[in-house]
Amino acid sequence: MKLKKLMVITAAVSMAASITACGSGNNNNGGNAAATNAPADTAATNAPATNSGEAVTDEVLPEEGASLVVWESKEERKFAEEIAKQFTEKYNVPVKIEEIPPPDQVGKLTQDGPSGLAADVILIPHDNLGKAASASLLLPNDIFAEQTKAENTEASIVGSSYDGELYGYPRAAETYALYYNKKLLPEAPKSFDDVLAFSKTFTNKDQNKYGIMWEVGNMYYGYTFIATTGGYLFGKDGTDKDDIGLNNEGAIEGLTAFAKIKEALPVKSGDISADIKRALFTSGDVAMDITGPWELAAYKEALGDDLGVAPVPTINGKQAITFSGIKIFGVNAYTQYPNAAKLYAHFASSKDSQLTLNKLVGSIPTNNEALADPQITGDPYVSAFAEQAKSSQPMPSIPEMGNVWAPVNAALPEIWDNNADPKTAMDKAVQQIKDLNNGAQ
């Protein structure tokens, strides 16, 4: 079964934000394995430690004298501090928060894990999981595996697993959707044909006004035009690096539709950035924007009640499939306190914690009960992202995923800017990906 066929319930993906790291490695207060420089014995985590802390189950207690270091994003530090406070109150385990951008955490864990300087619990975008798991840098989510699987969406479990093993503790999902200005169009368009029809009455390049805008040269968004009509990244649910569907018949159908939309947005791909797009949308010069929930706060402030959010319009009559990313906690294999670290990852990804995260930063839960909570269902913006997430696909987490971005990010501008034949451009990209996967120089 190909990635396109994943049965995704409600999740959304996370491209992680670029955040300046200001944290440092573990110190003597952190839970690391500096004394042994060896991965924690995962079997030991299944037996209770002998301290008086309260256990979340009958199977695990924090180790006596445990203390933890947790890597978090700058944007979500407020959440991290609140959860750390609650965790310490419940389990009497001190928690220190250090700010490391999530996309950088696996790289830093690779360097600092074996030396005992890394955090006990890390936060990573799920597409980085394969690199960490294949290098034996993470402990499996074993004690809480069945509970995690039962409580969270299928997409988030897929995103938290590698090679059939559950490693992550999913806590939030991100995908993109359609923002629109109700003052300019009262209802969201249902199809990209509707987008084109509206844009013919609104787009005026001389006045720098456009019906719709998104980062057309970025595969994160461009994948919608590949997957919706039958393309895919890797076969076997995103695990087969040798089965690449980026240039199959379905992908070319969608990319042909992609090229047509330039009528609504006659702008070079390189001239569209997040900052430019944000400025034009908030000023009313762009009527629709395809982007993620990270723009929600700024857009609500600028447009107020005129802001609308809806699923991405259909492509050739098919419901749009978007990329999703799951933010997951992982437990450092070199932690000195595996019980405490697993307890924290589980605690910080629970229903209540996910609702706290949503309240503080506007995230989309992966916990099924949290998704059904009035806090989520009653929010017209977050619920719209959750609706889009029903037809989203988690990015593959195999290490070869890192080889896809540059070739496709080069092919999309060729199609958009230079009117390149989609089949020719994607054949070239696929060959480049295969060469990278096979180690060709």
Protein backbone atom coordinates (compact mmCIF):
# COMPACT_ATOMS: atom_id res chain seq x y z
CA MET A 1 0.00 0.00 0.00
CA LYS A 2 1.42 3.35 -0.95
CA LEU A 3 1.67 6.36 1.29
CA LYS A 4 -1.36 7.85 -0.42
CA LYS A 5 -3.49 5.07 0.93
CA LEU A 6 -2.76 5.69 4.59
CA MET A 7 -5.94 5.95 6.59
CA VAL A 8 -5.35 9.18 8.41
CA ILE A 9 -7.94 10.15 10.99
CA THR A 10 -7.12 13.61 12.32
CA ALA A 11 -3.59 14.84 12.42
CA ALA A 12 -1.59 17.55 10.87
CA VAL A 13 2.02 18.18 10.18
CA SER A 14 4.72 20.06 11.44
CA MET A 15 7.19 21.80 9.72
CA ALA A 16 9.24 22.98 12.58
CA ALA A 17 9.87 26.69 12.91
CA SER A 18 13.35 28.17 12.66
CA ILE A 19 14.14 29.09 16.20
CA THR A 20 17.37 30.39 17.64
CA ALA A 21 18.92 27.91 20.00
CA CYS A 22 19.89 29.33 23.34
CA GLY A 23 20.20 26.15 25.38
CA SER A 24 23.34 24.31 26.34
CA GLY A 25 24.11 20.70 27.02
CA ASN A 26 23.19 18.88 30.20
CA ASN A 27 24.93 19.79 33.39
CA ASN A 28 25.19 17.85 36.60
CA ASN A 29 21.54 18.53 37.30
CA GLY A 30 20.46 16.86 34.08
CA GLY A 31 19.64 13.22 33.58
CA ASN A 32 22.45 11.96 31.40
CA ALA A 33 24.63 8.95 31.15
CA ALA A 34 27.93 10.73 31.36
CA ALA A 35 29.15 8.23 33.90
CA THR A 36 28.64 5.29 31.59
CA ASN A 37 28.57 6.74 28.06
CA ALA A 38 26.32 3.85 27.12
CA PRO A 39 22.68 3.68 26.08
CA ALA A 40 20.22 3.09 28.88
CA ASP A 41 19.16 -0.50 29.43
CA THR A 42 15.64 -0.48 28.03
CA ALA A 43 14.75 -3.65 29.89
CA ALA A 44 15.31 -1.83 33.15
CA THR A 45 12.59 0.66 32.32
CA ASN A 46 9.98 -2.04 32.65
CA ALA A 47 10.71 -2.53 36.34
CA PRO A 48 9.65 -0.02 38.99
CA ALA A 49 12.33 2.02 40.66
CA THR A 50 12.39 2.01 44.45
CA ASN A 51 11.42 5.54 45.37
CA SER A 52 8.24 7.00 46.74
CA GLY A 53 7.16 8.94 43.67
CA GLU A 54 3.63 8.44 42.39
CA ALA A 55 3.46 6.04 39.46
CA VAL A 56 1.36 6.77 36.41
CA THR A 57 0.91 3.00 36.04
CA ASP A 58 1.81 -0.02 38.13
CA GLU A 59 4.77 -0.65 35.85
CA VAL A 60 7.01 2.38 36.19
CA LEU A 61 8.23 4.89 38.76
CA PRO A 62 10.89 7.56 38.36
CA GLU A 63 14.35 6.55 39.54
CA GLU A 64 15.37 7.76 42.95
CA GLY A 65 17.15 11.12 42.70
CA ALA A 66 16.10 11.56 39.07
CA SER A 67 16.23 14.96 37.39
CA LEU A 68 15.58 15.73 33.76
CA VAL A 69 16.65 18.08 31.00
CA VAL A 70 14.14 18.64 28.20
CA TRP A 71 14.84 20.30 24.87
CA GLU A 72 11.99 22.49 23.67
CA SER A 73 11.28 25.10 21.01
CA LYS A 74 11.46 28.77 21.89
CA GLU A 75 7.91 29.34 20.71
CA GLU A 76 6.55 26.64 22.98
CA ARG A 77 8.61 27.35 26.08
CA LYS A 78 5.59 28.70 27.95
CA PHE A 79 3.93 25.32 27.57
CA ALA A 80 7.10 23.46 28.53
CA GLU A 81 7.49 25.44 31.74
CA GLU A 82 3.87 24.82 32.73
CA ILE A 83 4.11 21.07 32.08
CA ALA A 84 7.47 20.81 33.83
CA LYS A 85 5.93 22.48 36.89
CA GLN A 86 3.00 20.05 36.90
CA PHE A 87 5.30 17.06 36.40
CA THR A 88 7.59 18.09 39.25
CA GLU A 89 4.63 18.60 41.56
CA LYS A 90 3.31 15.13 40.76
CA TYR A 91 6.53 13.09 40.66
CA ASN A 92 9.03 15.20 42.62
CA VAL A 93 11.41 15.15 39.66
CA PRO A 94 13.07 18.49 38.79
CA VAL A 95 12.93 19.44 35.10
CA LYS A 96 15.19 21.92 33.34
CA ILE A 97 14.09 23.36 29.98
CA GLU A 98 16.61 24.22 27.29
CA GLU A 99 15.71 25.89 23.99
CA ILE A 100 16.88 24.02 20.90
CA PRO A 101 15.12 24.33 17.52
CA PRO A 102 13.31 21.02 16.91
CA PRO A 103 14.91 20.49 13.45
CA ASP A 104 18.34 20.73 15.11
CA GLN A 105 17.70 18.35 17.97
CA VAL A 106 18.52 15.05 16.31
CA GLY A 107 21.80 16.46 15.01
CA LYS A 108 22.67 17.72 18.47
CA LEU A 109 21.64 14.41 20.01
CA THR A 110 23.94 12.62 17.56
CA GLN A 111 26.85 14.70 18.85
CA ASP A 112 25.97 15.00 22.52
CA GLY A 113 24.10 11.79 23.30
CA PRO A 114 27.06 9.38 23.55
CA SER A 115 29.01 11.88 25.66
CA GLY A 116 26.17 12.28 28.13
CA LEU A 117 25.56 15.96 27.35
CA ALA A 118 22.18 15.71 25.62
CA ALA A 119 18.73 16.19 27.07
CA ASP A 120 16.81 13.26 28.47
CA VAL A 121 13.70 14.11 26.45
CA ILE A 122 13.79 15.77 23.05
CA LEU A 123 11.15 17.27 20.76
CA ILE A 124 11.51 16.53 17.06
CA PRO A 125 9.56 16.74 13.80
CA HIS A 126 8.59 13.18 13.01
CA ASP A 127 10.38 13.14 9.65
CA ASN A 128 13.66 13.26 11.62
CA LEU A 129 12.73 10.11 13.52
CA GLY A 130 14.29 7.66 11.08
CA LYS A 131 17.71 9.24 11.39
CA ALA A 132 17.59 9.07 15.17
CA ALA A 133 16.09 5.60 15.48
CA SER A 134 18.35 4.01 12.89
CA ALA A 135 21.34 5.36 14.81
CA SER A 136 19.99 3.87 18.09
CA LEU A 137 19.74 7.31 19.67
CA LEU A 138 16.20 6.84 21.04
CA LEU A 139 14.58 4.38 23.40
CA PRO A 140 11.36 2.80 22.09
CA ASN A 141 8.05 3.93 23.53
CA ASP A 142 7.49 0.54 25.14
CA ILE A 143 5.87 0.96 28.55
CA PHE A 144 3.17 3.27 27.22
CA ALA A 145 2.97 1.84 23.70
CA GLU A 146 -0.54 0.40 23.82
CA GLN A 147 -1.94 3.43 25.60
CA THR A 148 -0.28 5.79 23.13
CA LYS A 149 -1.66 3.85 20.15
CA ALA A 150 -5.17 3.70 21.60
CA GLU A 151 -5.37 7.38 22.50
CA ASN A 152 -3.90 9.06 19.43
CA THR A 153 -4.73 9.38 15.75
CA GLU A 154 -3.49 6.79 13.30
CA ALA A 155 -1.45 9.40 11.43
CA SER A 156 0.39 10.41 14.58
CA ILE A 157 1.20 6.80 15.40
CA VAL A 158 2.51 6.25 11.87
CA GLY A 159 4.62 9.38 12.25
CA SER A 160 5.92 8.26 15.65
CA SER A 161 7.03 4.84 14.41
CA TYR A 162 10.06 3.62 12.51
CA ASP A 163 10.62 0.18 11.02
CA GLY A 164 7.54 -1.16 12.80
CA GLU A 165 8.59 0.12 16.24
CA LEU A 166 6.89 2.93 18.17
CA TYR A 167 9.47 5.43 19.38
CA GLY A 168 7.66 8.73 19.70
CA TYR A 169 5.10 10.22 22.04
CA PRO A 170 2.97 12.38 19.71
CA ARG A 171 1.89 15.72 21.11
CA ALA A 172 0.81 17.95 18.22
CA ALA A 173 0.10 17.85 14.52
CA GLU A 174 0.41 20.44 11.81
CA THR A 175 -0.75 20.72 8.26
CA TYR A 176 -1.64 23.64 6.05
CA ALA A 177 -5.03 24.97 5.04
CA LEU A 178 -6.57 27.89 3.16
CA TYR A 179 -6.73 31.25 4.89
CA TYR A 180 -9.06 33.73 3.20
CA ASN A 181 -10.20 37.31 3.68
CA LYS A 182 -13.99 37.35 4.09
CA LYS A 183 -14.10 41.01 3.13
CA LEU A 184 -12.81 40.06 -0.33
CA LEU A 185 -14.65 36.77 -0.76
CA PRO A 186 -17.41 35.82 1.68
CA GLU A 187 -17.01 32.08 1.21
CA ALA A 188 -13.98 29.91 0.66
CA PRO A 189 -13.63 28.46 -2.84
CA LYS A 190 -14.33 24.76 -3.05
CA SER A 191 -12.00 24.03 -5.98
CA PHE A 192 -8.95 25.49 -7.65
CA ASP A 193 -11.20 26.19 -10.63
CA ASP A 194 -13.09 28.51 -8.28
CA VAL A 195 -9.77 30.03 -7.20
CA LEU A 196 -8.92 30.79 -10.82
CA ALA A 197 -12.37 32.25 -11.51
CA PHE A 198 -12.12 34.60 -8.53
CA SER A 199 -8.54 35.56 -9.32
CA LYS A 200 -9.48 36.71 -12.81
CA THR A 201 -11.55 39.44 -11.15
CA PHE A 202 -8.99 40.28 -8.43
CA THR A 203 -5.41 39.67 -9.55
CA ASN A 204 -3.62 42.77 -10.81
CA LYS A 205 0.14 42.33 -11.01
CA ASP A 206 0.75 46.05 -11.59
CA GLN A 207 -0.96 46.78 -8.27
CA ASN A 208 0.71 43.80 -6.55
CA LYS A 209 -2.67 42.22 -5.84
CA TYR A 210 -3.25 38.49 -6.17
CA GLY A 211 -6.16 36.15 -5.66
CA ILE A 212 -4.04 33.50 -3.94
CA MET A 213 -0.45 33.01 -2.81
CA TRP A 214 1.65 30.27 -1.31
CA GLU A 215 5.29 29.23 -1.48
CA VAL A 216 5.01 27.59 -4.88
CA GLY A 217 8.64 26.46 -4.98
CA ASN A 218 8.45 24.57 -1.69
CA MET A 219 7.74 20.83 -1.86
CA TYR A 220 6.02 20.96 1.53
CA TYR A 221 3.12 22.74 -0.16
CA GLY A 222 3.69 21.40 -3.67
CA TYR A 223 3.17 17.85 -2.48
CA THR A 224 -0.57 18.56 -2.53
CA PHE A 225 -0.45 18.71 -6.33
CA ILE A 226 1.47 15.44 -6.43
CA ALA A 227 -0.49 13.34 -3.95
CA THR A 228 -4.06 14.48 -4.57
CA THR A 229 -4.17 12.97 -8.05
CA GLY A 230 -2.27 9.79 -7.30
CA GLY A 231 1.41 10.56 -6.84
CA TYR A 232 3.37 9.61 -3.74
CA LEU A 233 6.80 9.92 -2.25
CA PHE A 234 7.89 6.43 -1.20
CA GLY A 235 5.98 3.16 -1.50
CA LYS A 236 4.96 0.76 1.27
CA ASP A 237 3.55 3.48 3.48
CA GLY A 238 6.56 5.70 2.94
CA THR A 239 9.15 3.09 3.82
CA ASP A 240 10.42 1.86 0.43
CA LYS A 241 13.14 4.20 -0.80
CA ASP A 242 13.31 2.38 -4.12
CA ASP A 243 9.64 2.95 -4.99
CA ILE A 244 9.29 6.64 -5.81
CA GLY A 245 5.99 7.91 -7.17
CA LEU A 246 6.81 11.58 -7.70
CA ASN A 247 6.78 11.23 -11.48
CA ASN A 248 3.96 8.73 -12.04
CA GLU A 249 0.88 9.50 -14.08
CA GLY A 250 -1.08 10.83 -11.12
CA ALA A 251 1.71 13.15 -10.04
CA ILE A 252 2.03 14.62 -13.54
CA GLU A 253 -1.73 15.19 -13.70
CA GLY A 254 -1.61 17.21 -10.51
CA LEU A 255 1.49 19.16 -11.49
CA THR A 256 -0.14 20.08 -14.79
CA ALA A 257 -2.97 21.62 -12.74
CA PHE A 258 -0.32 23.29 -10.57
CA ALA A 259 1.22 25.01 -13.59
CA LYS A 260 -2.17 26.32 -14.71
CA ILE A 261 -2.70 28.20 -11.44
CA LYS A 262 0.08 30.59 -12.43
CA GLU A 263 -2.74 32.50 -14.14
CA ALA A 264 -3.89 33.49 -10.65
CA LEU A 265 -0.37 34.15 -9.37
CA PRO A 266 1.91 35.46 -12.15
CA VAL A 267 4.92 35.74 -9.85
CA LYS A 268 8.31 34.00 -9.90
CA SER A 269 8.65 31.38 -7.19
CA GLY A 270 11.74 33.06 -5.80
CA ASP A 271 9.80 36.28 -5.24
CA ILE A 272 7.44 34.63 -2.77
CA SER A 273 8.60 34.32 0.82
CA ALA A 274 6.74 33.89 4.08
CA ASP A 275 7.40 37.53 5.01
CA ILE A 276 6.22 38.90 1.65
CA LYS A 277 3.14 36.69 1.66
CA ARG A 278 2.25 37.64 5.23
CA ALA A 279 2.51 41.35 4.49
CA LEU A 280 0.33 41.11 1.39
CA PHE A 281 -2.33 38.97 3.03
CA THR A 282 -2.63 41.09 6.16
CA SER A 283 -2.87 44.27 4.07
CA GLY A 284 -5.66 42.85 1.90
CA ASP A 285 -3.59 42.63 -1.27
CA VAL A 286 -3.71 38.83 -1.29
CA ALA A 287 -7.16 37.32 -0.85
CA MET A 288 -6.12 33.75 -0.01
CA ASP A 289 -3.03 32.17 1.47
CA ILE A 290 -2.12 28.51 1.87
CA THR A 291 -0.06 28.09 5.02
CA GLY A 292 -0.03 26.53 8.47
CA PRO A 293 -1.35 27.31 11.95
CA TRP A 294 1.84 29.15 12.86
CA GLU A 295 0.41 32.20 11.03
CA LEU A 296 -2.92 32.08 12.86
CA ALA A 297 -2.14 34.55 15.64
CA ALA A 298 -0.81 37.24 13.29
CA TYR A 299 -3.65 36.78 10.81
CA LYS A 300 -6.33 36.94 13.51
CA GLU A 301 -4.80 40.12 14.86
CA ALA A 302 -4.69 41.73 11.41
CA LEU A 303 -8.06 40.63 10.01
CA GLY A 304 -10.18 39.95 13.07
CA ASP A 305 -13.62 38.65 12.15
CA ASP A 306 -12.78 38.96 8.44
CA LEU A 307 -10.41 35.98 8.71
CA GLY A 308 -11.61 32.61 7.48
CA VAL A 309 -9.89 29.24 7.39
CA ALA A 310 -11.03 26.31 5.23
CA PRO A 311 -9.65 23.08 3.76
CA VAL A 312 -7.43 23.39 0.68
CA PRO A 313 -9.55 23.54 -2.51
CA THR A 314 -10.08 20.39 -4.55
CA ILE A 315 -7.81 19.57 -7.50
CA ASN A 316 -9.45 18.06 -10.60
CA GLY A 317 -12.47 17.20 -8.46
CA LYS A 318 -10.42 15.36 -5.83
CA GLN A 319 -10.17 16.29 -2.16
CA ALA A 320 -6.80 17.89 -1.56
CA ILE A 321 -4.20 15.81 0.26
CA THR A 322 -1.73 17.83 2.30
CA PHE A 323 1.52 16.96 3.99
CA SER A 324 1.29 16.61 7.74
CA GLY A 325 4.00 16.64 10.32
CA ILE A 326 3.81 15.35 13.85
CA LYS A 327 5.79 16.86 16.69
CA ILE A 328 6.87 14.04 18.94
CA PHE A 329 8.75 13.59 22.16
CA GLY A 330 11.60 11.11 22.10
CA VAL A 331 13.63 9.66 24.97
CA ASN A 332 17.40 9.81 24.68
CA ALA A 333 18.88 6.30 24.64
CA TYR A 334 21.76 7.57 26.79
CA THR A 335 19.60 9.03 29.54
CA GLN A 336 20.58 8.10 33.09
CA TYR A 337 16.92 8.16 34.07
CA PRO A 338 14.89 6.23 31.46
CA ASN A 339 11.89 5.68 33.75
CA ALA A 340 11.57 9.35 34.60
CA ALA A 341 12.16 10.38 30.99
CA LYS A 342 9.48 8.04 29.66
CA LEU A 343 7.08 9.23 32.34
CA TYR A 344 7.69 12.85 31.33
CA ALA A 345 7.22 12.16 27.62
CA HIS A 346 3.97 10.37 28.36
CA PHE A 347 2.74 13.01 30.80
CA ALA A 348 3.59 15.91 28.50
CA SER A 349 1.75 14.32 25.56
CA SER A 350 -1.45 13.41 27.42
CA LYS A 351 -4.92 14.72 26.57
CA ASP A 352 -4.75 17.44 29.21
CA SER A 353 -1.25 18.48 28.17
CA GLN A 354 -2.26 18.68 24.51
CA LEU A 355 -5.22 20.88 25.41
CA THR A 356 -2.87 23.08 27.42
CA LEU A 357 -0.56 23.32 24.39
CA ASN A 358 -3.50 24.30 22.20
CA LYS A 359 -4.60 26.94 24.67
CA LEU A 360 -1.16 28.49 24.91
CA VAL A 361 0.11 28.27 21.31
CA GLY A 362 -2.83 27.19 19.13
CA SER A 363 -1.58 23.71 18.26
CA ILE A 364 -3.66 20.86 16.85
CA PRO A 365 -3.89 17.83 19.15
CA THR A 366 -3.21 14.26 18.13
CA ASN A 367 -5.08 12.82 21.11
CA ASN A 368 -8.51 11.66 19.96
CA GLU A 369 -10.34 12.83 23.08
CA ALA A 370 -8.62 16.20 22.90
CA LEU A 371 -9.68 16.57 19.27
CA ALA A 372 -13.28 15.95 20.32
CA ASP A 373 -13.11 18.41 23.20
CA PRO A 374 -15.23 21.59 22.87
CA GLN A 375 -12.04 23.62 23.21
CA ILE A 376 -11.06 22.29 19.77
CA THR A 377 -14.41 21.70 18.08
CA GLY A 378 -15.63 25.13 19.12
CA ASP A 379 -12.64 26.92 17.57
CA PRO A 380 -13.48 27.65 13.89
CA TYR A 381 -9.83 28.07 12.97
CA VAL A 382 -8.26 25.08 14.68
CA SER A 383 -11.18 22.85 13.68
CA ALA A 384 -10.63 23.83 10.04
CA PHE A 385 -7.03 22.62 10.25
CA ALA A 386 -8.23 19.46 11.94
CA GLU A 387 -10.70 18.92 9.11
CA GLN A 388 -7.96 19.30 6.50
CA ALA A 389 -5.83 16.91 8.50
CA LYS A 390 -8.35 14.15 7.87
CA SER A 391 -6.98 13.97 4.33
CA SER A 392 -3.36 14.65 5.16
CA GLN A 393 -0.40 12.30 4.93
CA PRO A 394 2.47 12.26 7.41
CA MET A 395 5.84 12.83 5.83
CA PRO A 396 7.92 9.66 5.57
CA SER A 397 10.33 9.29 8.46
CA ILE A 398 12.96 7.11 6.79
CA PRO A 399 16.42 8.71 6.60
CA GLU A 400 16.15 9.00 2.79
CA MET A 401 13.45 11.65 3.26
CA GLY A 402 16.30 14.13 3.59
CA ASN A 403 17.29 13.42 -0.02
CA VAL A 404 13.94 14.50 -1.45
CA TRP A 405 13.75 18.19 -0.64
CA ALA A 406 16.47 19.71 -2.81
CA PRO A 407 15.62 17.88 -6.06
CA VAL A 408 11.88 18.58 -5.82
CA ASN A 409 12.46 22.13 -4.64
CA ALA A 410 14.44 22.60 -7.85
CA ALA A 411 11.86 20.91 -10.08
CA LEU A 412 8.85 22.94 -8.91
CA PRO A 413 10.37 26.32 -9.86
CA GLU A 414 11.35 24.88 -13.26
CA ILE A 415 7.69 24.03 -13.84
CA TRP A 416 6.35 27.28 -12.40
CA ASP A 417 8.93 29.81 -13.57
CA ASN A 418 10.18 28.32 -16.82
CA ASN A 419 7.16 26.37 -18.08
CA ALA A 420 9.16 23.15 -17.97
CA ASP A 421 7.33 19.98 -18.88
CA PRO A 422 6.25 18.46 -15.53
CA LYS A 423 7.22 14.93 -16.59
CA THR A 424 10.70 15.99 -17.68
CA ALA A 425 11.30 18.02 -14.53
CA MET A 426 10.11 15.28 -12.20
CA ASP A 427 11.99 12.51 -14.01
CA LYS A 428 15.16 14.48 -13.36
CA ALA A 429 14.26 15.01 -9.71
CA VAL A 430 13.51 11.34 -9.17
CA GLN A 431 16.82 10.30 -10.70
CA GLN A 432 18.63 12.73 -8.40
CA ILE A 433 16.82 11.30 -5.37
CA LYS A 434 17.70 7.75 -6.40
CA ASP A 435 21.35 8.73 -6.83
CA LEU A 436 21.39 10.29 -3.37
CA ASN A 437 19.66 7.28 -1.83
CA ASN A 438 22.20 4.94 -3.35
CA GLY A 439 25.19 7.04 -2.39
CA ALA A 440 26.15 8.11 -5.89
CA GLN A 441 28.73 10.88 -6.00
